[in-house]
């Protein structure tokens, strides 16, 4: 049974479409995963670029946090 849901694009507001659906088993649990995309290819490209920029920024922040802290010199 398919569940009907609304998943609007965060940029243009159009209903996103399912591009890929798969199941994955982890231990005794079976997960159903779904990737969705905007039907407007230009909008999806722009969204992908925005998400990549955010991912890189977050990664840089996490790397900066993992560096050893400098101790002040007296």
Protein backbone atom coordinates (compact mmCIF):
# COMPACT_ATOMS: atom_id res chain seq x y z
CA UNK A 1 0.00 0.00 0.00
CA UNK A 2 1.43 3.35 -1.06
CA UNK A 3 1.19 6.27 1.31
CA UNK A 4 0.19 9.51 -0.37
CA UNK A 5 2.01 12.51 0.99
CA UNK A 6 2.91 16.01 -0.06
CA UNK A 7 6.57 16.91 -0.29
CA UNK A 8 6.95 20.38 -1.81
CA UNK A 9 10.28 21.67 -3.09
CA UNK A 10 11.83 24.15 -0.66
CA UNK A 11 12.83 26.47 -3.51
CA UNK A 12 9.89 26.54 -5.94
CA UNK A 13 7.05 24.81 -4.07
CA UNK A 14 6.30 22.19 -6.74
CA UNK A 15 5.55 18.67 -5.51
CA UNK A 16 8.75 16.64 -5.52
CA UNK A 17 8.82 13.31 -7.35
CA UNK A 18 10.36 9.99 -6.29
CA UNK A 19 13.61 9.34 -8.13
CA UNK A 20 14.74 6.22 -6.28
CA UNK A 21 13.26 3.88 -3.70
CA UNK A 22 15.00 0.92 -2.06
CA UNK A 23 14.90 -1.27 1.00
CA UNK A 24 17.77 -1.82 3.39
CA UNK A 25 18.06 -4.34 6.18
CA UNK A 26 19.88 -3.40 9.37
CA UNK A 27 19.84 -6.22 11.87
CA UNK A 28 16.22 -7.34 12.19
CA UNK A 29 14.84 -4.06 10.86
CA UNK A 30 13.92 -3.46 7.23
CA UNK A 31 14.03 0.19 6.16
CA UNK A 32 12.45 1.64 3.04
CA UNK A 33 14.47 4.59 1.76
CA UNK A 34 13.23 7.14 -0.77
CA UNK A 35 15.07 9.85 -2.69
CA UNK A 36 12.97 12.66 -4.11
CA UNK A 37 13.83 15.41 -6.58
CA UNK A 38 12.22 18.57 -7.87
CA UNK A 39 10.60 18.08 -11.29
CA UNK A 40 12.24 21.34 -12.44
CA UNK A 41 15.82 20.34 -13.36
CA UNK A 42 17.21 23.88 -13.03
CA UNK A 43 15.69 24.22 -9.58
CA UNK A 44 17.11 20.83 -8.53
CA UNK A 45 20.60 21.82 -9.77
CA UNK A 46 20.45 25.04 -7.75
CA UNK A 47 19.23 23.12 -4.71
CA UNK A 48 22.05 20.58 -5.07
CA UNK A 49 24.60 23.41 -5.18
CA UNK A 50 23.09 25.03 -2.09
CA UNK A 51 23.14 21.73 -0.20
CA UNK A 52 26.76 21.06 -1.20
CA UNK A 53 27.82 24.52 0.02
CA UNK A 54 26.07 23.91 3.35
CA UNK A 55 27.70 20.47 3.66
CA UNK A 56 31.17 21.89 3.01
CA UNK A 57 30.61 24.71 5.48
CA UNK A 58 29.45 22.27 8.16
CA UNK A 59 32.40 19.99 7.45
CA UNK A 60 34.82 22.91 7.83
CA UNK A 61 33.26 23.83 11.17
CA UNK A 62 33.48 20.25 12.41
CA UNK A 63 37.13 20.01 11.35
CA UNK A 64 37.88 23.26 13.13
CA UNK A 65 36.27 21.94 16.32
CA UNK A 66 38.31 18.73 16.20
CA UNK A 67 41.64 20.59 16.07
CA UNK A 68 43.55 20.77 19.35
CA UNK A 69 42.98 24.00 21.23
CA UNK A 70 45.90 26.38 21.55
CA UNK A 71 47.00 27.05 25.08
CA UNK A 72 47.74 30.67 25.95
CA UNK A 73 51.39 31.48 26.52
CA UNK A 74 52.10 33.17 29.84
